C-alpha atoms as a PDB file:
ATOM      1  CA  MET A   1      93.309 116.795  47.864  1.00  0.00           C
ATOM      2  CA  LYS A   2      92.969 113.127  46.927  1.00  0.00           C
ATOM      3  CA  LYS A   3      92.638 111.674  43.454  1.00  0.00           C
ATOM      4  CA  THR A   4      89.687 109.318  42.959  1.00  0.00           C
ATOM      5  CA  LEU A   5      89.478 106.560  40.344  1.00  0.00           C
ATOM      6  CA  SER A   6      86.412 104.370  39.881  1.00  0.00           C
ATOM      7  CA  VAL A   7      86.586 100.579  39.821  1.00  0.00           C
ATOM      8  CA  ALA A   8      85.006  98.670  36.905  1.00  0.00           C
ATOM      9  CA  SER A   9      81.918  96.553  37.526  1.00  0.00           C
ATOM     10  CA  ALA A  10      83.322  93.170  36.426  1.00  0.00           C
ATOM     11  CA  VAL A  11      86.666  91.406  36.434  1.00  0.00           C
ATOM     12  CA  THR A  12      87.688  88.389  34.399  1.00  0.00           C
ATOM     13  CA  THR A  13      90.922  86.702  35.353  1.00  0.00           C
ATOM     14  CA  VAL A  14      92.675  84.578  32.765  1.00  0.00           C
ATOM     15  CA  ALA A  15      95.888  82.646  33.283  1.00  0.00           C
ATOM     16  CA  VAL A  16      97.925  80.713  30.771  1.00  0.00           C
ATOM     17  CA  ALA A  17     100.077  77.957  32.232  1.00  0.00           C
ATOM     18  CA  ALA A  18     101.820  75.083  30.497  1.00  0.00           C
ATOM     19  CA  GLY A  19      99.815  75.582  27.313  1.00  0.00           C
ATOM     20  CA  LEU A  20      96.434  75.351  29.039  1.00  0.00           C
ATOM     21  CA  LEU A  21      93.941  78.163  29.144  1.00  0.00           C
ATOM     22  CA  ILE A  22      92.421  78.498  32.600  1.00  0.00           C
ATOM     23  CA  ALA A  23      89.670  81.059  33.018  1.00  0.00           C
ATOM     24  CA  ALA A  24      87.849  82.194  36.110  1.00  0.00           C
ATOM     25  CA  PRO A  25      84.261  83.402  35.730  1.00  0.00           C
ATOM     26  CA  ALA A  26      83.538  87.097  35.713  1.00  0.00           C
ATOM     27  CA  GLN A  27      82.385  88.333  39.094  1.00  0.00           C
ATOM     28  CA  ALA A  28      80.238  91.398  39.560  1.00  0.00           C
ATOM     29  CA  GLN A  29      81.706  93.953  41.929  1.00  0.00           C
ATOM     30  CA  THR A  30      80.229  97.103  43.327  1.00  0.00           C
ATOM     31  CA  THR A  31      81.749 100.350  42.140  1.00  0.00           C
ATOM     32  CA  THR A  32      84.232 101.429  44.784  1.00  0.00           C
ATOM     33  CA  PRO A  33      86.396 104.521  44.381  1.00  0.00           C
ATOM     34  CA  VAL A  34      90.135 104.077  44.835  1.00  0.00           C
ATOM     35  CA  GLU A  35      91.563 107.073  46.677  1.00  0.00           C
ATOM     36  CA  LEU A  36      95.180 107.970  46.050  1.00  0.00           C
ATOM     37  CA  PRO A  37      97.096 110.202  48.471  1.00  0.00           C
ATOM     38  CA  THR A  38      98.508 113.297  46.800  1.00  0.00           C
ATOM     39  CA  ASN A  39     102.119 112.138  47.316  1.00  0.00           C
ATOM     40  CA  VAL A  40     101.620 108.948  45.244  1.00  0.00           C
ATOM     41  CA  VAL A  41     103.077 108.691  41.740  1.00  0.00           C
ATOM     42  CA  VAL A  42     100.849 106.686  39.376  1.00  0.00           C
ATOM     43  CA  ASP A  43     102.721 104.246  37.116  1.00  0.00           C
ATOM     44  CA  GLU A  44     101.216 103.451  33.701  1.00  0.00           C
ATOM     45  CA  SER A  45     100.691  99.837  34.813  1.00  0.00           C
ATOM     46  CA  PHE A  46      98.315 100.769  37.671  1.00  0.00           C
ATOM     47  CA  ASP A  47      94.887  99.157  37.200  1.00  0.00           C
ATOM     48  CA  PRO A  48      92.233 100.615  39.542  1.00  0.00           C
ATOM     49  CA  ALA A  49      89.638  98.240  38.031  1.00  0.00           C
ATOM     50  CA  GLY A  50      91.538  95.156  39.222  1.00  0.00           C
ATOM     51  CA  GLU A  51      92.648  93.901  42.606  1.00  0.00           C
ATOM     52  CA  VAL A  52      94.095  96.803  44.629  1.00  0.00           C
ATOM     53  CA  VAL A  53      95.997  96.715  47.931  1.00  0.00           C
ATOM     54  CA  THR A  54      97.141  99.786  49.871  1.00  0.00           C
ATOM     55  CA  ALA A  55     100.403  99.511  51.806  1.00  0.00           C
ATOM     56  CA  ASP A  56      99.616 101.995  54.595  1.00  0.00           C
ATOM     57  CA  ASP A  57     102.294 100.796  57.007  1.00  0.00           C
ATOM     58  CA  GLY A  58     105.125 100.866  54.480  1.00  0.00           C
ATOM     59  CA  ARG A  59     105.024  97.092  53.793  1.00  0.00           C
ATOM     60  CA  SER A  60     102.598  95.198  51.629  1.00  0.00           C
ATOM     61  CA  THR A  61     101.688  91.555  52.047  1.00  0.00           C
ATOM     62  CA  ARG A  62      98.954  89.540  50.398  1.00  0.00           C
ATOM     63  CA  SER A  63      95.557  90.785  51.482  1.00  0.00           C
ATOM     64  CA  GLY A  64      92.131  91.711  50.254  1.00  0.00           C
ATOM     65  CA  ASN A  65      91.168  90.326  46.868  1.00  0.00           C
ATOM     66  CA  CYS A  66      94.706  89.526  45.689  1.00  0.00           C
ATOM     67  CA  LYS A  67      94.759  86.018  44.286  1.00  0.00           C
ATOM     68  CA  ASP A  68      97.609  83.715  43.300  1.00  0.00           C
ATOM     69  CA  ARG A  69      98.847  83.961  39.728  1.00  0.00           C
ATOM     70  CA  ALA A  70     100.569  81.377  37.547  1.00  0.00           C
ATOM     71  CA  PHE A  71     102.951  81.591  34.631  1.00  0.00           C
ATOM     72  CA  ALA A  72     105.155  79.273  32.609  1.00  0.00           C
ATOM     73  CA  VAL A  73     108.910  79.912  32.688  1.00  0.00           C
ATOM     74  CA  VAL A  74     111.120  78.580  29.870  1.00  0.00           C
ATOM     75  CA  ALA A  75     114.748  78.970  28.702  1.00  0.00           C
ATOM     76  CA  LYS A  76     113.870  82.412  27.264  1.00  0.00           C
ATOM     77  CA  MET A  77     112.990  85.375  29.498  1.00  0.00           C
ATOM     78  CA  THR A  78     109.193  85.493  29.853  1.00  0.00           C
ATOM     79  CA  GLN A  79     106.902  87.837  31.772  1.00  0.00           C
ATOM     80  CA  SER A  80     103.875  86.953  33.832  1.00  0.00           C
ATOM     81  CA  LEU A  81     100.427  88.411  33.456  1.00  0.00           C
ATOM     82  CA  ASN A  82      99.731  91.343  35.776  1.00  0.00           C
ATOM     83  CA  GLY A  83      99.269  90.723  39.489  1.00  0.00           C
ATOM     84  CA  CYS A  84      97.588  92.950  42.052  1.00  0.00           C
ATOM     85  CA  SER A  85      97.889  96.699  41.924  1.00  0.00           C
ATOM     86  CA  VAL A  86      99.636  98.148  44.978  1.00  0.00           C
ATOM     87  CA  ILE A  87      99.420 101.698  46.286  1.00  0.00           C
ATOM     88  CA  GLY A  88     102.559 102.543  48.254  1.00  0.00           C
ATOM     89  CA  SER A  89     101.793 105.290  50.767  1.00  0.00           C
ATOM     90  CA  LYS A  90     105.375 106.087  51.843  1.00  0.00           C
ATOM     91  CA  ALA A  91     108.731 106.531  50.135  1.00  0.00           C
ATOM     92  CA  SER A  92     109.961 103.596  52.253  1.00  0.00           C
ATOM     93  CA  THR A  93     107.216 101.175  51.144  1.00  0.00           C
ATOM     94  CA  GLN A  94     108.358  97.660  50.271  1.00  0.00           C
ATOM     95  CA  VAL A  95     106.192  95.090  48.499  1.00  0.00           C
ATOM     96  CA  GLN A  96     106.390  91.375  49.141  1.00  0.00           C
ATOM     97  CA  TYR A  97     106.584  88.771  46.388  1.00  0.00           C
ATOM     98  CA  LYS A  98     106.084  85.067  47.132  1.00  0.00           C
ATOM     99  CA  TRP A  99     106.660  82.401  44.514  1.00  0.00           C
ATOM    100  CA  TYR A 100     107.205  78.679  44.166  1.00  0.00           C
ATOM    101  CA  ARG A 101     107.712  76.167  41.374  1.00  0.00           C
ATOM    102  CA  HIS A 102     104.662  73.895  41.350  1.00  0.00           C
ATOM    103  CA  GLN A 103     105.503  71.862  38.248  1.00  0.00           C
ATOM    104  CA  GLY A 104     108.141  71.414  35.576  1.00  0.00           C
ATOM    105  CA  ASN A 105     111.574  69.894  35.104  1.00  0.00           C
ATOM    106  CA  SER A 106     113.840  72.856  35.903  1.00  0.00           C
ATOM    107  CA  ASN A 107     114.360  75.441  38.650  1.00  0.00           C
ATOM    108  CA  PRO A 108     113.676  78.995  37.428  1.00  0.00           C
ATOM    109  CA  CYS A 109     115.347  82.306  38.232  1.00  0.00           C
ATOM    110  CA  ILE A 110     112.725  84.973  38.996  1.00  0.00           C
ATOM    111  CA  TRP A 111     112.655  88.802  39.086  1.00  0.00           C
ATOM    112  CA  GLY A 112     109.911  91.039  40.503  1.00  0.00           C
ATOM    113  CA  LYS A 113     108.899  94.495  39.352  1.00  0.00           C
ATOM    114  CA  SER A 114     110.021  97.195  41.774  1.00  0.00           C
ATOM    115  CA  PHE A 115     110.689 100.944  41.764  1.00  0.00           C
ATOM    116  CA  ASN A 116     113.784 103.029  42.450  1.00  0.00           C
ATOM    117  CA  SER A 117     113.903 106.307  44.409  1.00  0.00           C
ATOM    118  CA  ARG A 118     113.010 108.267  41.244  1.00  0.00           C
ATOM    119  CA  HIS A 119     109.825 106.177  40.827  1.00  0.00           C
ATOM    120  CA  ALA A 120     111.217 104.444  37.734  1.00  0.00           C
ATOM    121  CA  PRO A 121     110.365 100.752  37.310  1.00  0.00           C
ATOM    122  CA  THR A 122     113.200  98.271  37.816  1.00  0.00           C
ATOM    123  CA  TRP A 123     113.500  94.480  38.196  1.00  0.00           C
ATOM    124  CA  THR A 124     114.752  93.064  41.493  1.00  0.00           C
ATOM    125  CA  THR A 125     116.037  89.495  41.648  1.00  0.00           C
ATOM    126  CA  LEU A 126     113.840  87.183  43.697  1.00  0.00           C
ATOM    127  CA  ASN A 127     116.438  84.402  43.439  1.00  0.00           C
ATOM    128  CA  CYS A 128     116.543  81.008  41.745  1.00  0.00           C
ATOM    129  CA  GLY A 129     115.345  77.609  42.888  1.00  0.00           C
ATOM    130  CA  THR A 130     112.056  76.130  43.997  1.00  0.00           C
ATOM    131  CA  GLY A 131     110.569  79.216  45.661  1.00  0.00           C
ATOM    132  CA  ARG A 132     111.199  82.281  47.781  1.00  0.00           C
ATOM    133  CA  SER A 133     109.595  85.200  49.582  1.00  0.00           C
ATOM    134  CA  LYS A 134     111.200  88.623  49.327  1.00  0.00           C
ATOM    135  CA  PHE A 135     110.396  92.306  49.870  1.00  0.00           C
ATOM    136  CA  VAL A 136     111.377  94.716  47.080  1.00  0.00           C
ATOM    137  CA  PRO A 137     111.558  98.545  47.015  1.00  0.00           C
ATOM    138  CA  TRP A 138     108.282 100.146  45.877  1.00  0.00           C
ATOM    139  CA  GLY A 139     108.044 103.630  47.386  1.00  0.00           C
ATOM    140  CA  ASN A 140     105.033 105.910  47.122  1.00  0.00           C
ATOM    141  CA  VAL A 141     103.960 104.481  43.750  1.00  0.00           C
ATOM    142  CA  ALA A 142     100.619 103.109  42.551  1.00  0.00           C
ATOM    143  CA  ALA A 143     101.459 100.275  40.142  1.00  0.00           C
ATOM    144  CA  THR A 144     100.753  96.661  39.260  1.00  0.00           C
ATOM    145  CA  LYS A 145     102.968  93.769  40.374  1.00  0.00           C
ATOM    146  CA  LYS A 146     104.604  91.645  37.698  1.00  0.00           C
ATOM    147  CA  MET A 147     107.263  88.932  37.516  1.00  0.00           C
ATOM    148  CA  LYS A 148     109.615  87.651  34.868  1.00  0.00           C
ATOM    149  CA  GLY A 149     111.814  84.609  34.799  1.00  0.00           C
ATOM    150  CA  LEU A 150     113.805  82.032  32.881  1.00  0.00           C
ATOM    151  CA  THR A 151     115.259  78.571  33.250  1.00  0.00           C
ATOM    152  CA  GLY A 152     118.647  77.261  32.093  1.00  0.00           C
ATOM    153  CA  THR A 153     116.930  74.403  30.267  1.00  0.00           C
ATOM    154  CA  GLY A 154     113.467  72.904  30.359  1.00  0.00           C
ATOM    155  CA  TRP A 155     110.468  74.658  31.890  1.00  0.00           C
ATOM    156  CA  ALA A 156     108.781  75.476  35.186  1.00  0.00           C
ATOM    157  CA  GLY A 157     105.255  76.367  36.194  1.00  0.00           C
ATOM    158  CA  VAL A 158     105.396  79.128  38.814  1.00  0.00           C
ATOM    159  CA  GLN A 159     102.674  80.180  41.267  1.00  0.00           C
ATOM    160  CA  TRP A 160     103.111  83.660  42.722  1.00  0.00           C
ATOM    161  CA  GLN A 161     101.506  86.535  44.553  1.00  0.00           C
END
């Protein structure tokens, strides 16, 4: 038996970076059901109305409608807006995060949302510097990607997916 969730008919993406409000126009989408295998645990962050990627082979990379995100990192821990929702189909699923500093005067340290073997959300370090790509543990969880970060001083604008 598979669970079915319906996808909303419009999506508006809004990003806030370096004090500027950047909005993308709403785009009409057809209603497409999102099917979840019975072994998948649904996290409260999962958004079936947004961009959804299924990691069938145990590893997820950028695909489908997943777009880059941006967020401003300062000397206080800040979280990004939500990224794509990922459906992990196996207990061994890993999800890839890619990020880079595209502006600012400091190199940030970045963490990505991940899940432990009990399906509890955790934060995995994605390292510090000007950018990285890293796979994090996800498992058979349906959830939405998110990042958090901070700088020692100054600020950084970070692009990620």
